[in-house]
Protein backbone atom coordinates (compact mmCIF):
# COMPACT_ATOMS: atom_id res chain seq x y z
CA MET A 1 3.28 -5.07 44.20
CA VAL A 2 4.04 -1.42 43.46
CA GLY A 3 7.20 -0.81 41.52
CA ILE A 4 8.97 0.33 38.39
CA VAL A 5 7.44 -0.91 35.13
CA GLY A 6 9.57 1.26 32.87
CA TYR A 7 12.51 3.62 33.13
CA GLY A 8 14.64 5.74 30.88
CA ALA A 9 17.38 8.34 31.02
CA TYR A 10 18.80 11.02 28.76
CA VAL A 11 22.08 12.95 28.82
CA PRO A 12 23.11 15.61 26.25
CA SER A 13 26.16 14.86 24.13
CA PHE A 14 28.05 18.09 24.81
CA ARG A 15 30.77 18.02 27.50
CA ILE A 16 33.23 20.36 29.13
CA LYS A 17 36.20 19.37 31.25
CA PRO A 18 36.95 21.10 34.58
CA GLU A 19 40.42 21.97 33.27
CA GLU A 20 38.79 24.11 30.59
CA ILE A 21 36.84 26.00 33.25
CA ALA A 22 39.74 26.24 35.70
CA LYS A 23 42.13 27.86 33.23
CA ILE A 24 39.74 30.83 32.98
CA TRP A 25 39.80 31.41 36.74
CA GLY A 26 43.51 30.90 37.41
CA GLU A 27 44.87 29.59 40.71
CA GLU A 28 41.51 29.72 42.47
CA GLY A 29 39.98 27.67 39.68
CA GLU A 30 42.69 25.04 40.00
CA ARG A 31 42.12 24.85 43.75
CA ILE A 32 38.36 24.35 43.36
CA LYS A 33 38.75 21.76 40.60
CA LYS A 34 40.95 19.45 42.68
CA GLY A 35 38.44 18.79 45.43
CA LEU A 36 35.39 17.76 43.39
CA GLY A 37 36.18 14.41 41.77
CA ILE A 38 34.76 15.48 38.39
CA GLN A 39 36.29 14.31 35.10
CA GLU A 40 33.84 16.17 32.84
CA LYS A 41 30.25 17.31 32.84
CA SER A 42 27.35 17.37 30.39
CA VAL A 43 26.11 20.60 28.82
CA PRO A 44 22.71 21.05 27.12
CA ALA A 45 22.52 21.90 23.44
CA LEU A 46 21.23 25.34 22.49
CA ASP A 47 17.76 23.90 21.83
CA GLU A 48 17.59 21.70 24.95
CA ASP A 49 15.99 22.43 28.31
CA ALA A 50 14.47 20.52 31.22
CA ALA A 51 11.29 19.90 29.21
CA THR A 52 12.93 18.46 26.08
CA MET A 53 15.20 16.21 28.15
CA ALA A 54 12.25 15.03 30.23
CA VAL A 55 10.43 14.06 27.03
CA GLU A 56 13.39 11.99 25.81
CA ALA A 57 13.70 10.17 29.14
CA ALA A 58 9.93 9.56 29.25
CA LYS A 59 9.94 8.10 25.73
CA ASN A 60 12.67 5.68 26.80
CA ALA A 61 10.64 4.67 29.86
CA LEU A 62 7.62 3.99 27.65
CA LYS A 63 9.73 1.83 25.31
CA VAL A 64 10.89 -0.32 28.21
CA SER A 65 7.39 -0.67 29.68
CA GLY A 66 5.60 -1.31 26.40
CA ILE A 67 2.42 0.33 27.73
CA ASP A 68 0.17 2.79 25.93
CA ALA A 69 0.84 6.36 27.11
CA GLN A 70 -2.92 6.90 27.36
CA LYS A 71 -2.90 4.61 30.40
CA ILE A 72 -0.70 7.01 32.37
CA GLY A 73 -2.85 8.63 35.03
CA ALA A 74 -0.35 11.17 36.39
CA VAL A 75 2.79 12.97 35.25
CA TYR A 76 5.07 14.78 37.70
CA VAL A 77 8.24 16.60 36.65
CA GLY A 78 10.75 17.61 39.29
CA SER A 79 13.31 20.27 38.39
CA GLU A 80 15.22 23.35 39.53
CA SER A 81 15.26 24.65 35.98
CA HIS A 82 11.70 24.54 34.66
CA PRO A 83 11.61 26.53 31.40
CA TYR A 84 8.75 28.72 32.65
CA ALA A 85 8.19 30.38 36.00
CA VAL A 86 4.45 30.10 35.35
CA LYS A 87 3.48 27.29 32.97
CA PRO A 88 3.94 23.65 33.89
CA THR A 89 6.61 21.49 32.33
CA ALA A 90 4.49 18.42 33.14
CA THR A 91 1.73 19.37 30.70
CA MET A 92 4.22 19.79 27.86
CA VAL A 93 5.77 16.42 28.60
CA ALA A 94 2.40 14.67 28.93
CA GLU A 95 1.22 16.11 25.61
CA ALA A 96 4.48 15.25 23.84
CA ILE A 97 4.34 11.57 24.83
CA GLY A 98 0.60 11.24 24.15
CA ALA A 99 -0.58 10.89 27.75
CA THR A 100 -3.17 13.70 27.71
CA PRO A 101 -5.96 14.65 28.27
CA ASN A 102 -7.16 12.39 31.13
CA THR A 103 -4.03 12.87 33.19
CA MET A 104 -3.09 14.55 36.46
CA ALA A 105 -0.03 16.72 35.95
CA ALA A 106 2.09 19.00 38.09
CA ASP A 107 5.59 20.37 38.48
CA LEU A 108 7.62 19.66 41.62
CA GLU A 109 10.50 21.60 43.15
CA PHE A 110 12.61 20.43 46.08
CA ALA A 111 16.13 21.12 44.91
CA CYS A 112 17.75 17.82 43.86
CA LYS A 113 15.12 15.45 45.25
CA ALA A 114 12.05 16.65 43.37
CA GLY A 115 12.23 13.64 41.06
CA SER A 116 12.28 11.10 43.89
CA ALA A 117 9.38 12.93 45.55
CA GLY A 118 7.47 12.37 42.30
CA ILE A 119 8.11 8.63 42.58
CA GLN A 120 6.64 8.63 46.10
CA ILE A 121 3.55 10.50 44.91
CA CYS A 122 3.05 8.03 42.06
CA MET A 123 3.50 5.13 44.47
CA GLY A 124 0.68 6.43 46.64
CA LEU A 125 -1.66 7.03 43.72
CA VAL A 126 -0.99 3.59 42.24
CA ALA A 127 -1.26 1.76 45.58
CA SER A 128 -4.60 3.44 46.33
CA ASN A 129 -5.94 2.43 42.88
CA MET A 130 -6.53 6.05 41.90
CA ILE A 131 -4.42 5.47 38.78
CA ASN A 132 -2.92 2.49 36.97
CA TYR A 133 0.39 4.11 36.06
CA GLY A 134 2.21 7.23 37.17
CA LEU A 135 5.21 8.89 35.52
CA ALA A 136 7.81 10.60 37.71
CA ILE A 137 10.67 12.54 36.11
CA GLY A 138 13.72 14.38 37.36
CA SER A 139 15.20 16.76 34.78
CA ASP A 140 17.60 19.66 35.09
CA THR A 141 19.91 21.97 33.19
CA SER A 142 21.73 22.85 36.38
CA GLN A 143 22.94 26.37 37.04
CA GLY A 144 26.27 27.57 38.39
CA ARG A 145 27.58 31.10 38.81
CA PRO A 146 30.75 31.77 36.76
CA GLY A 147 33.80 31.00 38.89
CA ASP A 148 31.76 29.29 41.61
CA ALA A 149 32.39 25.64 42.57
CA LEU A 150 28.98 24.81 41.07
CA GLU A 151 30.23 25.77 37.62
CA TYR A 152 32.56 22.78 37.69
CA THR A 153 29.87 20.28 38.66
CA ALA A 154 26.45 21.47 37.41
CA GLY A 155 25.49 19.20 34.49
CA ALA A 156 22.37 18.38 32.50
CA GLY A 157 20.23 15.26 32.18
CA ALA A 158 16.93 13.56 32.91
CA ALA A 159 15.54 10.26 34.16
CA ALA A 160 11.95 9.01 34.05
CA TYR A 161 10.20 6.22 35.97
CA LEU A 162 6.85 4.63 35.23
CA ILE A 163 5.27 3.31 38.40
CA GLY A 164 2.66 0.54 38.26
CA ARG A 165 1.31 -2.39 40.25
CA GLU A 166 0.81 -5.28 37.80
CA LYS A 167 3.10 -8.10 38.94
CA SER A 168 3.57 -9.23 35.35
CA GLN A 169 5.04 -5.81 34.44
CA VAL A 170 7.06 -4.72 37.49
CA LEU A 171 10.78 -4.97 36.76
CA ALA A 172 11.84 -3.66 40.18
CA GLU A 173 9.55 -3.82 43.19
CA ILE A 174 9.73 -0.87 45.59
CA GLU A 175 9.60 -2.70 48.90
CA ALA A 176 9.79 0.38 51.12
CA THR A 177 10.39 4.11 51.15
CA CYS A 178 10.93 6.74 53.84
CA SER A 179 12.02 10.38 54.10
CA PHE A 180 14.08 12.56 56.42
CA THR A 181 13.38 16.30 56.27
CA THR A 182 14.54 19.45 58.11
CA ASP A 183 14.68 23.19 57.46
CA THR A 184 18.40 23.45 56.68
CA PRO A 185 19.21 26.47 54.45
CA ASP A 186 22.30 25.09 52.73
CA PHE A 187 21.46 26.05 49.14
CA TRP A 188 18.86 28.36 47.60
CA ARG A 189 17.95 30.57 44.67
CA ARG A 190 15.61 33.50 45.24
CA GLN A 191 12.99 34.55 42.75
CA HIS A 192 14.51 36.40 39.76
CA ALA A 193 18.06 35.35 40.77
CA GLU A 194 20.12 34.03 37.87
CA PHE A 195 22.23 31.60 39.89
CA PRO A 196 21.86 29.68 43.15
CA THR A 197 23.74 30.47 46.35
CA HIS A 198 25.13 27.88 48.72
CA GLY A 199 25.96 28.07 52.40
CA GLY A 200 29.56 26.89 52.14
CA ARG A 201 30.32 24.74 55.18
CA PHE A 202 26.59 24.06 55.73
CA THR A 203 26.37 22.05 52.49
CA GLY A 204 28.37 19.15 53.91
CA VAL A 205 27.87 17.79 57.43
CA PRO A 206 24.60 19.52 58.48
CA ALA A 207 22.97 19.14 55.07
CA TYR A 208 24.10 16.36 52.71
CA PHE A 209 25.62 13.90 55.18
CA LYS A 210 23.05 14.33 57.93
CA HIS A 211 20.09 13.80 55.61
CA VAL A 212 21.49 11.08 53.35
CA MET A 213 22.80 9.05 56.28
CA SER A 214 19.70 9.57 58.43
CA ALA A 215 17.29 8.55 55.66
CA THR A 216 19.40 5.49 54.80
CA GLN A 217 19.61 4.40 58.42
CA MET A 218 15.86 4.96 58.79
CA LEU A 219 15.25 2.64 55.84
CA PHE A 220 17.55 0.00 57.35
CA GLU A 221 15.46 0.10 60.52
CA LYS A 222 12.12 0.14 58.68
CA THR A 223 13.01 -2.91 56.59
CA ASN A 224 15.11 -4.66 59.27
CA THR A 225 18.05 -4.76 56.86
CA ARG A 226 21.68 -3.67 56.84
CA ALA A 227 24.28 -2.67 54.27
CA SER A 228 25.28 -6.26 53.52
CA ASP A 229 21.71 -7.05 52.39
CA TYR A 230 21.99 -4.80 49.31
CA ASP A 231 23.87 -5.42 46.09
CA TYR A 232 23.90 -1.78 44.95
CA PHE A 233 23.67 1.64 46.55
CA VAL A 234 22.85 4.91 44.82
CA PHE A 235 23.24 8.15 46.75
CA HIS A 236 22.65 11.69 45.55
CA GLN A 237 25.92 12.85 44.05
CA PRO A 238 26.63 16.60 44.07
CA ASN A 239 30.25 15.71 43.31
CA GLY A 240 32.37 12.59 42.99
CA LYS A 241 33.45 12.45 46.64
CA PHE A 242 30.42 12.99 48.91
CA PRO A 243 28.66 9.68 48.07
CA LEU A 244 31.82 7.70 48.78
CA GLU A 245 32.34 9.51 52.09
CA ALA A 246 28.73 8.83 53.12
CA ALA A 247 29.13 5.16 52.23
CA LYS A 248 32.30 4.88 54.30
CA LYS A 249 30.56 6.43 57.32
CA LEU A 250 27.69 3.94 56.93
CA GLY A 251 30.00 0.94 56.58
CA ILE A 252 29.07 0.34 52.93
CA ASP A 253 31.54 -1.20 50.50
CA ALA A 254 32.50 1.50 48.00
CA ALA A 255 32.32 -1.07 45.20
CA LYS A 256 28.54 -1.18 45.65
CA LEU A 257 28.34 2.50 44.62
CA LYS A 258 30.53 2.29 41.53
CA GLN A 259 27.85 1.41 38.96
CA GLY A 260 25.50 4.20 40.04
CA LEU A 261 28.09 6.92 40.55
CA MET A 262 27.61 8.96 37.36
CA THR A 263 28.47 12.50 38.48
CA PRO A 264 32.22 12.14 37.77
CA VAL A 265 31.46 11.63 34.05
CA ILE A 266 28.32 13.74 33.47
CA GLY A 267 28.25 16.21 36.37
CA ASN A 268 25.60 16.82 39.00
CA THR A 269 22.28 16.66 37.16
CA TYR A 270 20.43 17.93 40.25
CA SER A 271 16.87 16.50 40.27
CA ALA A 272 17.98 13.71 37.94
CA ALA A 273 21.22 12.78 39.74
CA SER A 274 20.13 9.86 41.95
CA LEU A 275 17.56 8.74 39.35
CA ILE A 276 20.18 8.60 36.58
CA GLY A 277 22.39 6.64 38.98
CA LEU A 278 19.52 4.19 39.50
CA ALA A 279 19.04 3.87 35.74
CA SER A 280 22.70 2.92 35.39
CA VAL A 281 22.25 0.20 38.01
CA LEU A 282 19.04 -1.14 36.46
CA ASP A 283 20.85 -1.38 33.12
CA VAL A 284 23.07 -4.14 34.57
CA ALA A 285 21.15 -5.55 37.57
CA LYS A 286 19.98 -9.15 37.65
CA ALA A 287 16.74 -10.64 38.92
CA GLY A 288 16.76 -11.01 42.70
CA GLN A 289 19.35 -8.30 43.32
CA THR A 290 18.59 -5.49 45.74
CA ILE A 291 19.16 -1.76 45.42
CA LEU A 292 19.03 1.05 47.99
CA VAL A 293 18.58 4.58 46.64
CA THR A 294 18.79 7.76 48.72
CA SER A 295 18.24 11.13 47.10
CA PHE A 296 19.01 14.53 48.64
CA GLY A 297 17.54 17.95 48.09
CA SER A 298 18.84 21.11 49.69
CA GLY A 299 16.53 22.90 52.03
CA ALA A 300 16.71 20.00 53.06
CA GLY A 301 15.54 16.40 52.74
CA SER A 302 16.29 12.89 51.57
CA ASP A 303 14.07 10.09 50.21
CA SER A 304 15.21 6.48 50.52
CA PHE A 305 13.93 3.47 48.57
CA ALA A 306 14.52 -0.27 48.90
CA LEU A 307 14.10 -2.07 45.57
CA ARG A 308 14.21 -5.71 44.53
CA VAL A 309 14.81 -6.53 40.87
CA THR A 310 12.44 -9.05 39.23
CA ASP A 311 12.82 -11.28 36.18
CA LYS A 312 10.96 -8.63 34.16
CA ILE A 313 14.16 -6.60 34.15
CA GLU A 314 14.82 -8.16 30.75
CA ASN A 315 12.34 -5.59 29.37
CA ARG A 316 15.16 -3.04 29.60
CA LYS A 317 16.42 -4.36 26.27
CA LYS A 318 13.55 -2.51 24.59
CA GLY A 319 14.96 0.86 25.62
CA ILE A 320 18.14 2.86 25.08
CA PRO A 321 20.73 2.23 27.82
CA LEU A 322 22.29 5.12 29.70
CA ALA A 323 25.73 4.09 28.45
CA HIS A 324 24.65 5.03 24.92
CA TYR A 325 24.23 8.67 25.93
CA VAL A 326 27.32 8.75 28.15
CA ALA A 327 29.47 7.51 25.27
CA GLN A 328 28.31 10.24 22.87
CA LYS A 329 30.58 13.22 23.45
CA GLU A 330 31.40 16.53 21.82
CA TYR A 331 33.68 18.77 23.83
CA LEU A 332 33.21 22.51 24.19
CA CYS A 333 35.67 25.30 24.90
CA TYR A 334 34.72 27.73 27.65
CA GLY A 335 33.48 30.30 25.15
CA LEU A 336 31.01 27.88 23.58
CA TYR A 337 30.04 26.62 27.02
CA VAL A 338 29.12 30.16 28.05
CA LYS A 339 27.05 30.47 24.88
CA HIS A 340 25.25 27.16 25.52
CA ARG A 341 24.48 28.14 29.12
CA ARG A 342 23.37 31.63 28.04
CA LYS A 343 25.70 33.39 30.45
CA LEU A 344 26.34 36.28 28.06
CA LYS A 345 23.67 38.54 29.50
CA SER A 346 24.41 41.52 27.26
CA LEU A 347 23.26 39.65 24.13
């Protein structure tokens, strides 16, 4: 039984509302704001980055699992916003939580699905008995060019998952996983570029919907299941509308997405988005319930997972629930937001 033995999430307390952004950009800002389904988004503090948030999420995962960090055999951190171009985030996280020195560590990058790719890697290492526990993290302080649609949605947050195989510790068994991947250039950021670029109309049907729906349908076929067999669904959520549209196309009851749909209240946390959504579901799920998670990363690919919750889910009480972080809020004006996101390049 390979599955989740511990999980944790972290979201900064600072927020900005899309109305605050839109009033800076006039009529065009108002037009963009209306189509995104975002109520507010999280913003990192001045001393927060993908590494510090990853550490907080990892500490929460360790609390839930109750295992000694020295037993972690691998640490993988997926992000689009690693603090260093050359120097791994994973080593900093591993050292901070006490997992070093006998630990594999590496950074991953695949747009918004780098965190779920880390889970798959840890699954393979654990299943092959190369390690006892693997830690996979998705963490991002997402970027958005001023005035671009991404500025209204790009949030900040992290989620961490400890993967193990001891039946007595697994709180959610991962029954199956699969991936759907193509070379679809819908979103990218070249080396040295400050902000990402997106391909407009290519970000929807040929990218997000094709990959999320294809990976989900592939998992249905692989597991001989259908939408009615799952209690919860978590899809990657670049905005508040795409996941609901994908669910409708797949014949999934929108109510099954509600618990895991976090982007409307914290923004698109990129590599952490689907993993934070899963954390929200695990915070309320009951033993025996089933969850289907499908991530998406531009470039492009999706990873799908079928999970079954066990009676060990009660271990979640040892950690800090996602709702704790979501409830802590301090709103910023656009000027302070620009300062927090370091968009004043002349300083």
